[in-house]
């Protein structure tokens, strides 16, 4: 086997391991300080404020373009889902009242057609 003290890969791995340990120790000390948490909170507050301003700006832009905003689309989708639910309830009640054995919305819910009594005219366009 090769000597570990002369192996370049082992030296490289050892150096990277030591650098990682030093960086972790430095990061742990930095995160433990109250100044670090204060800076993180300030950055978070700035980001939230910028995001709110961008949302307000986008809503004004969409309003000027006569387009619905995300909030309006979500509201419309909720209202549409509510209307669909009410329609399904009405269909179920109608099927109960009429005693229709076919499933709601099924193909068997249409009344059968009466038999044809008259023949169609000939294909050649001749009439007799």
N, C-alpha and C. Protein backbone atom coordinates (compact mmCIF):
# COMPACT_ATOMS: atom_id res chain seq x y z
N UNK A 1 0.83 -1.19 0.00
CA UNK A 1 0.00 0.00 0.00
C UNK A 1 0.87 1.25 0.00
N UNK A 2 0.29 2.31 -0.49
CA UNK A 2 1.01 3.58 -0.55
C UNK A 2 1.03 4.23 0.82
N UNK A 3 2.08 4.99 1.07
CA UNK A 3 2.24 5.70 2.33
C UNK A 3 1.24 6.86 2.38
N UNK A 4 0.44 6.96 3.46
CA UNK A 4 -0.60 8.00 3.58
C UNK A 4 -0.01 9.39 3.63
N UNK A 5 1.22 9.54 4.11
CA UNK A 5 1.82 10.87 4.23
C UNK A 5 2.23 11.42 2.87
N UNK A 6 2.45 10.56 1.89
CA UNK A 6 2.86 11.01 0.56
C UNK A 6 1.71 10.95 -0.46
N UNK A 7 0.53 10.46 -0.08
CA UNK A 7 -0.60 10.32 -1.01
C UNK A 7 -1.24 11.69 -1.24
N UNK A 8 -1.20 12.22 -2.49
CA UNK A 8 -1.76 13.55 -2.75
C UNK A 8 -3.27 13.61 -2.53
N UNK A 9 -3.98 12.53 -2.83
CA UNK A 9 -5.44 12.53 -2.63
C UNK A 9 -5.77 12.61 -1.14
N UNK A 10 -5.02 11.87 -0.33
CA UNK A 10 -5.26 11.90 1.11
C UNK A 10 -4.92 13.27 1.67
N UNK A 11 -3.84 13.89 1.19
CA UNK A 11 -3.49 15.24 1.63
C UNK A 11 -4.59 16.24 1.25
N UNK A 12 -5.08 16.11 0.02
CA UNK A 12 -6.15 17.00 -0.46
C UNK A 12 -7.41 16.83 0.40
N UNK A 13 -7.80 15.59 0.66
CA UNK A 13 -8.99 15.33 1.48
C UNK A 13 -8.81 15.88 2.89
N UNK A 14 -7.62 15.73 3.46
CA UNK A 14 -7.34 16.24 4.79
C UNK A 14 -7.42 17.76 4.81
N UNK A 15 -6.86 18.42 3.78
CA UNK A 15 -6.90 19.88 3.72
C UNK A 15 -8.35 20.38 3.59
N UNK A 16 -9.13 19.74 2.73
CA UNK A 16 -10.53 20.15 2.55
C UNK A 16 -11.32 19.94 3.85
N UNK A 17 -11.05 18.83 4.53
CA UNK A 17 -11.73 18.55 5.79
C UNK A 17 -11.42 19.62 6.84
N UNK A 18 -10.16 20.02 6.93
CA UNK A 18 -9.77 21.05 7.90
C UNK A 18 -10.40 22.41 7.54
N UNK A 19 -10.43 22.73 6.24
CA UNK A 19 -11.06 23.99 5.82
C UNK A 19 -12.55 23.98 6.16
N UNK A 20 -13.18 22.84 5.96
CA UNK A 20 -14.61 22.72 6.25
C UNK A 20 -14.87 22.89 7.75
N UNK A 21 -14.03 22.29 8.57
CA UNK A 21 -14.18 22.44 10.01
C UNK A 21 -14.03 23.90 10.43
N UNK A 22 -13.03 24.59 9.87
CA UNK A 22 -12.82 26.00 10.20
C UNK A 22 -14.00 26.87 9.75
N UNK A 23 -14.50 26.61 8.56
CA UNK A 23 -15.63 27.39 8.06
C UNK A 23 -16.87 27.15 8.93
N UNK A 24 -17.12 25.90 9.30
CA UNK A 24 -18.27 25.59 10.15
C UNK A 24 -18.17 26.28 11.51
N UNK A 25 -16.97 26.29 12.08
CA UNK A 25 -16.78 26.96 13.38
C UNK A 25 -17.03 28.46 13.24
N UNK A 26 -16.49 29.06 12.17
CA UNK A 26 -16.71 30.49 11.95
C UNK A 26 -18.20 30.80 11.74
N UNK A 27 -18.88 29.99 10.95
CA UNK A 27 -20.30 30.22 10.67
C UNK A 27 -21.13 30.04 11.94
N UNK A 28 -20.81 29.07 12.76
CA UNK A 28 -21.55 28.86 14.01
C UNK A 28 -21.38 30.05 14.95
N UNK A 29 -20.15 30.59 15.04
CA UNK A 29 -19.92 31.76 15.90
C UNK A 29 -20.68 32.97 15.36
N UNK A 30 -20.67 33.13 14.04
CA UNK A 30 -21.35 34.28 13.44
C UNK A 30 -22.86 34.19 13.64
N UNK A 31 -23.43 33.01 13.46
CA UNK A 31 -24.89 32.86 13.59
C UNK A 31 -25.34 32.96 15.05
N UNK A 32 -24.45 32.71 15.97
CA UNK A 32 -24.82 32.80 17.38
C UNK A 32 -24.88 34.25 17.87
N UNK A 33 -24.28 35.16 17.13
CA UNK A 33 -24.25 36.56 17.58
C UNK A 33 -25.59 37.24 17.32
N UNK A 34 -26.00 38.17 18.21
CA UNK A 34 -27.27 38.88 18.03
C UNK A 34 -27.24 39.80 16.81
N UNK A 35 -26.05 40.27 16.42
CA UNK A 35 -25.96 41.13 15.25
C UNK A 35 -26.36 40.38 13.98
N UNK A 36 -25.97 39.11 13.90
CA UNK A 36 -26.32 38.31 12.72
C UNK A 36 -27.83 38.16 12.59
N UNK A 37 -28.49 37.82 13.69
CA UNK A 37 -29.95 37.65 13.63
C UNK A 37 -30.65 38.97 13.30
N UNK A 38 -30.07 40.09 13.80
CA UNK A 38 -30.65 41.40 13.50
C UNK A 38 -30.55 41.69 11.99
N UNK A 39 -29.40 41.40 11.41
CA UNK A 39 -29.21 41.64 9.98
C UNK A 39 -30.14 40.74 9.16
N UNK A 40 -30.27 39.49 9.55
CA UNK A 40 -31.15 38.56 8.83
C UNK A 40 -32.59 39.05 8.90
N UNK A 41 -33.02 39.52 10.05
CA UNK A 41 -34.38 40.04 10.18
C UNK A 41 -34.59 41.28 9.33
N UNK A 42 -33.59 42.16 9.28
CA UNK A 42 -33.71 43.36 8.46
C UNK A 42 -33.80 43.00 6.98
N UNK A 43 -32.98 42.06 6.54
CA UNK A 43 -33.01 41.63 5.14
C UNK A 43 -34.37 41.01 4.82
N UNK A 44 -34.89 40.21 5.73
CA UNK A 44 -36.21 39.61 5.52
C UNK A 44 -37.30 40.66 5.43
N UNK A 45 -37.22 41.68 6.27
CA UNK A 45 -38.21 42.75 6.24
C UNK A 45 -38.14 43.55 4.95
N UNK A 46 -36.94 43.82 4.48
CA UNK A 46 -36.77 44.55 3.22
C UNK A 46 -37.33 43.72 2.06
N UNK A 47 -37.05 42.44 2.07
CA UNK A 47 -37.54 41.56 1.00
C UNK A 47 -39.06 41.52 1.00
N UNK A 48 -39.66 41.40 2.17
CA UNK A 48 -41.12 41.37 2.24
C UNK A 48 -41.73 42.68 1.77
N UNK A 49 -41.12 43.80 2.14
CA UNK A 49 -41.62 45.10 1.69
C UNK A 49 -41.51 45.26 0.19
N UNK A 50 -40.39 44.81 -0.37
CA UNK A 50 -40.21 44.91 -1.82
C UNK A 50 -41.21 44.02 -2.55
N UNK A 51 -41.48 42.84 -2.00
CA UNK A 51 -42.43 41.94 -2.63
C UNK A 51 -43.84 42.53 -2.60
N UNK A 52 -44.21 43.20 -1.50
CA UNK A 52 -45.53 43.82 -1.41
C UNK A 52 -45.63 44.97 -2.41
N UNK A 53 -44.57 45.77 -2.52
CA UNK A 53 -44.59 46.88 -3.48
C UNK A 53 -44.70 46.37 -4.91
N UNK A 54 -44.00 45.29 -5.23
CA UNK A 54 -44.08 44.71 -6.57
C UNK A 54 -45.48 44.19 -6.84
N UNK A 55 -46.11 43.57 -5.85
CA UNK A 55 -47.48 43.08 -6.01
C UNK A 55 -48.45 44.22 -6.26
N UNK A 56 -48.30 45.31 -5.50
CA UNK A 56 -49.17 46.47 -5.69
C UNK A 56 -48.97 47.08 -7.08
N UNK A 57 -47.71 47.19 -7.49
CA UNK A 57 -47.41 47.74 -8.81
C UNK A 57 -47.99 46.86 -9.92
N UNK A 58 -47.88 45.54 -9.78
CA UNK A 58 -48.41 44.63 -10.78
C UNK A 58 -49.93 44.71 -10.85
N UNK A 59 -50.56 44.84 -9.69
CA UNK A 59 -52.03 44.96 -9.67
C UNK A 59 -52.47 46.24 -10.38
N UNK A 60 -51.76 47.35 -10.14
CA UNK A 60 -52.10 48.60 -10.82
C UNK A 60 -51.88 48.47 -12.32
N UNK A 61 -50.82 47.79 -12.72
CA UNK A 61 -50.54 47.60 -14.14
C UNK A 61 -51.65 46.78 -14.80
N UNK A 62 -52.04 45.68 -14.16
CA UNK A 62 -53.10 44.85 -14.71
C UNK A 62 -54.42 45.61 -14.79
N UNK A 63 -54.69 46.45 -13.78
CA UNK A 63 -55.90 47.26 -13.79
C UNK A 63 -55.88 48.23 -14.96
N UNK A 64 -54.73 48.84 -15.21
CA UNK A 64 -54.63 49.78 -16.33
C UNK A 64 -54.77 49.07 -17.67
N UNK A 65 -54.38 47.81 -17.75
CA UNK A 65 -54.52 47.03 -18.98
C UNK A 65 -55.89 46.35 -19.08
N UNK A 66 -56.76 46.61 -18.11
CA UNK A 66 -58.11 46.03 -18.05
C UNK A 66 -58.04 44.50 -17.99
N UNK A 67 -57.09 43.97 -17.18
CA UNK A 67 -56.93 42.54 -16.97
C UNK A 67 -57.15 42.23 -15.49
N UNK A 68 -57.66 41.04 -15.18
CA UNK A 68 -57.88 40.70 -13.78
C UNK A 68 -56.57 40.38 -13.06
N UNK A 69 -56.53 40.70 -11.77
CA UNK A 69 -55.36 40.39 -10.97
C UNK A 69 -55.45 38.94 -10.48
N UNK A 70 -54.39 38.46 -9.85
CA UNK A 70 -54.39 37.09 -9.32
C UNK A 70 -55.50 36.90 -8.28
N UNK A 71 -55.66 37.89 -7.41
CA UNK A 71 -56.69 37.79 -6.38
C UNK A 71 -58.08 37.71 -7.00
N UNK A 72 -58.30 38.49 -8.06
CA UNK A 72 -59.60 38.45 -8.73
C UNK A 72 -59.82 37.10 -9.41
N UNK A 73 -58.77 36.53 -10.00
CA UNK A 73 -58.91 35.22 -10.64
C UNK A 73 -59.19 34.13 -9.62
N UNK A 74 -58.53 34.20 -8.48
CA UNK A 74 -58.76 33.21 -7.42
C UNK A 74 -60.20 33.33 -6.92
N UNK A 75 -60.67 34.55 -6.73
CA UNK A 75 -62.04 34.78 -6.29
C UNK A 75 -63.03 34.23 -7.31
N UNK A 76 -62.75 34.47 -8.59
CA UNK A 76 -63.64 33.98 -9.64
C UNK A 76 -63.67 32.45 -9.66
N UNK A 77 -62.52 31.82 -9.49
CA UNK A 77 -62.45 30.36 -9.47
C UNK A 77 -63.23 29.79 -8.29
N UNK A 78 -63.14 30.43 -7.13
CA UNK A 78 -63.90 29.97 -5.96
C UNK A 78 -65.39 30.10 -6.20
N UNK A 79 -65.80 31.22 -6.79
CA UNK A 79 -67.23 31.42 -7.07
C UNK A 79 -67.73 30.40 -8.09
N UNK A 80 -66.92 30.11 -9.11
CA UNK A 80 -67.29 29.13 -10.12
C UNK A 80 -67.42 27.73 -9.51
N UNK A 81 -66.52 27.37 -8.63
CA UNK A 81 -66.58 26.07 -7.96
C UNK A 81 -67.85 25.98 -7.11
N UNK A 82 -68.20 27.07 -6.44
CA UNK A 82 -69.43 27.09 -5.64
C UNK A 82 -70.66 26.92 -6.52
N UNK A 83 -70.69 27.60 -7.66
CA UNK A 83 -71.82 27.49 -8.58
C UNK A 83 -71.92 26.06 -9.12
N UNK A 84 -70.79 25.45 -9.47
CA UNK A 84 -70.81 24.08 -9.97
C UNK A 84 -71.34 23.12 -8.91
N UNK A 85 -70.96 23.33 -7.67
CA UNK A 85 -71.47 22.49 -6.58
C UNK A 85 -72.97 22.62 -6.42
N UNK A 86 -73.47 23.86 -6.51
CA UNK A 86 -74.91 24.07 -6.40
C UNK A 86 -75.65 23.43 -7.57
N UNK A 87 -75.09 23.52 -8.78
CA UNK A 87 -75.72 22.88 -9.93
C UNK A 87 -75.77 21.36 -9.77
N UNK A 88 -74.70 20.78 -9.24
CA UNK A 88 -74.70 19.33 -9.01
C UNK A 88 -75.77 18.94 -7.99
N UNK A 89 -75.94 19.75 -6.95
CA UNK A 89 -76.99 19.49 -5.97
C UNK A 89 -78.37 19.57 -6.61
N UNK A 90 -78.58 20.57 -7.46
CA UNK A 90 -79.87 20.74 -8.14
C UNK A 90 -80.14 19.55 -9.05
N UNK A 91 -79.11 19.10 -9.80
CA UNK A 91 -79.29 17.93 -10.67
C UNK A 91 -79.65 16.70 -9.85
N UNK A 92 -78.98 16.50 -8.72
CA UNK A 92 -79.28 15.34 -7.88
C UNK A 92 -80.72 15.41 -7.36
N UNK A 93 -81.16 16.59 -6.95
CA UNK A 93 -82.54 16.74 -6.48
C UNK A 93 -83.54 16.48 -7.60
N UNK A 94 -83.27 16.97 -8.79
CA UNK A 94 -84.16 16.73 -9.92
C UNK A 94 -84.26 15.24 -10.24
N UNK A 95 -83.16 14.54 -10.18
CA UNK A 95 -83.19 13.10 -10.43
C UNK A 95 -83.98 12.39 -9.34
N UNK A 96 -83.90 12.85 -8.11
CA UNK A 96 -84.67 12.24 -7.03
C UNK A 96 -86.16 12.50 -7.22
N UNK A 97 -86.51 13.73 -7.58
CA UNK A 97 -87.92 14.10 -7.73
C UNK A 97 -88.55 13.33 -8.89
N UNK A 98 -87.87 13.20 -10.00
CA UNK A 98 -88.43 12.53 -11.17
C UNK A 98 -88.27 11.02 -11.10
N UNK A 99 -87.57 10.52 -10.12
CA UNK A 99 -87.40 9.08 -9.95
C UNK A 99 -86.67 8.45 -11.11
N UNK A 100 -85.77 9.17 -11.70
CA UNK A 100 -85.02 8.68 -12.85
C UNK A 100 -83.99 7.68 -12.38
N UNK A 101 -84.05 6.41 -12.83
CA UNK A 101 -83.10 5.42 -12.35
C UNK A 101 -81.71 5.59 -12.96
N UNK A 102 -81.61 6.31 -14.07
CA UNK A 102 -80.30 6.49 -14.71
C UNK A 102 -79.45 7.41 -13.87
N UNK A 103 -78.17 7.21 -13.95
CA UNK A 103 -77.23 8.05 -13.19
C UNK A 103 -77.24 9.46 -13.74
N UNK A 104 -77.03 10.46 -12.89
CA UNK A 104 -77.01 11.84 -13.39
C UNK A 104 -75.90 12.03 -14.41
N UNK A 105 -76.26 12.64 -15.52
CA UNK A 105 -75.27 12.92 -16.54
C UNK A 105 -74.92 11.72 -17.40
N UNK A 106 -75.57 10.59 -17.17
CA UNK A 106 -75.29 9.39 -17.95
C UNK A 106 -75.97 9.44 -19.30
N UNK A 107 -75.59 8.50 -20.18
CA UNK A 107 -76.15 8.47 -21.53
C UNK A 107 -77.58 7.94 -21.49
N UNK A 108 -77.96 7.18 -20.48
CA UNK A 108 -79.29 6.60 -20.42
C UNK A 108 -80.35 7.56 -19.91
N UNK A 109 -80.04 8.80 -19.69
CA UNK A 109 -81.02 9.72 -19.13
C UNK A 109 -81.94 10.31 -20.18
N UNK A 110 -81.62 10.16 -21.47
CA UNK A 110 -82.47 10.70 -22.53
C UNK A 110 -83.63 9.74 -22.79
N UNK A 111 -84.81 10.29 -23.15
CA UNK A 111 -85.98 9.47 -23.44
C UNK A 111 -85.76 8.75 -24.77
N UNK A 112 -86.28 7.51 -24.90
CA UNK A 112 -86.10 6.78 -26.16
C UNK A 112 -86.86 7.46 -27.29
N UNK A 113 -86.33 7.38 -28.51
CA UNK A 113 -86.98 8.00 -29.66
C UNK A 113 -88.04 7.04 -30.20
N UNK A 114 -89.12 7.62 -30.69
CA UNK A 114 -90.15 6.74 -31.30
C UNK A 114 -89.65 6.20 -32.64
N UNK A 115 -90.22 5.07 -33.10
CA UNK A 115 -89.77 4.50 -34.38
C UNK A 115 -90.16 5.41 -35.54
N UNK A 116 -89.37 5.39 -36.61
CA UNK A 116 -89.67 6.20 -37.80
C UNK A 116 -90.83 5.58 -38.54
N UNK A 117 -91.72 6.45 -39.04
CA UNK A 117 -92.89 5.97 -39.78
C UNK A 117 -92.80 6.31 -41.25
N UNK A 118 -91.94 7.20 -41.63
CA UNK A 118 -91.81 7.62 -43.01
C UNK A 118 -90.42 7.31 -43.51
N UNK A 119 -90.32 6.90 -44.77
CA UNK A 119 -89.04 6.58 -45.37
C UNK A 119 -88.40 7.85 -45.90
N UNK A 120 -87.09 7.95 -45.85
CA UNK A 120 -86.42 9.12 -46.43
C UNK A 120 -86.51 9.08 -47.96
N UNK A 121 -86.43 10.26 -48.63
CA UNK A 121 -86.50 10.27 -50.10
C UNK A 121 -85.29 9.55 -50.69
N UNK A 122 -85.41 9.06 -51.93
CA UNK A 122 -84.28 8.35 -52.57
C UNK A 122 -83.07 9.26 -52.70
N UNK A 123 -81.90 8.65 -52.79
CA UNK A 123 -80.65 9.40 -52.84
C UNK A 123 -80.47 10.16 -54.15
N UNK A 124 -81.07 9.74 -55.23
CA UNK A 124 -80.89 10.38 -56.52
C UNK A 124 -81.67 11.68 -56.67
N UNK A 125 -82.45 12.05 -55.71
CA UNK A 125 -83.22 13.30 -55.76
C UNK A 125 -84.53 13.14 -56.50
N UNK A 126 -84.85 11.91 -56.96
CA UNK A 126 -86.13 11.68 -57.66
C UNK A 126 -87.25 11.55 -56.64
N UNK A 127 -88.34 12.16 -56.90
CA UNK A 127 -89.52 12.06 -56.03
C UNK A 127 -90.61 11.35 -56.79
N UNK A 128 -91.35 10.50 -56.16
CA UNK A 128 -92.45 9.76 -56.79
C UNK A 128 -93.78 10.21 -56.29
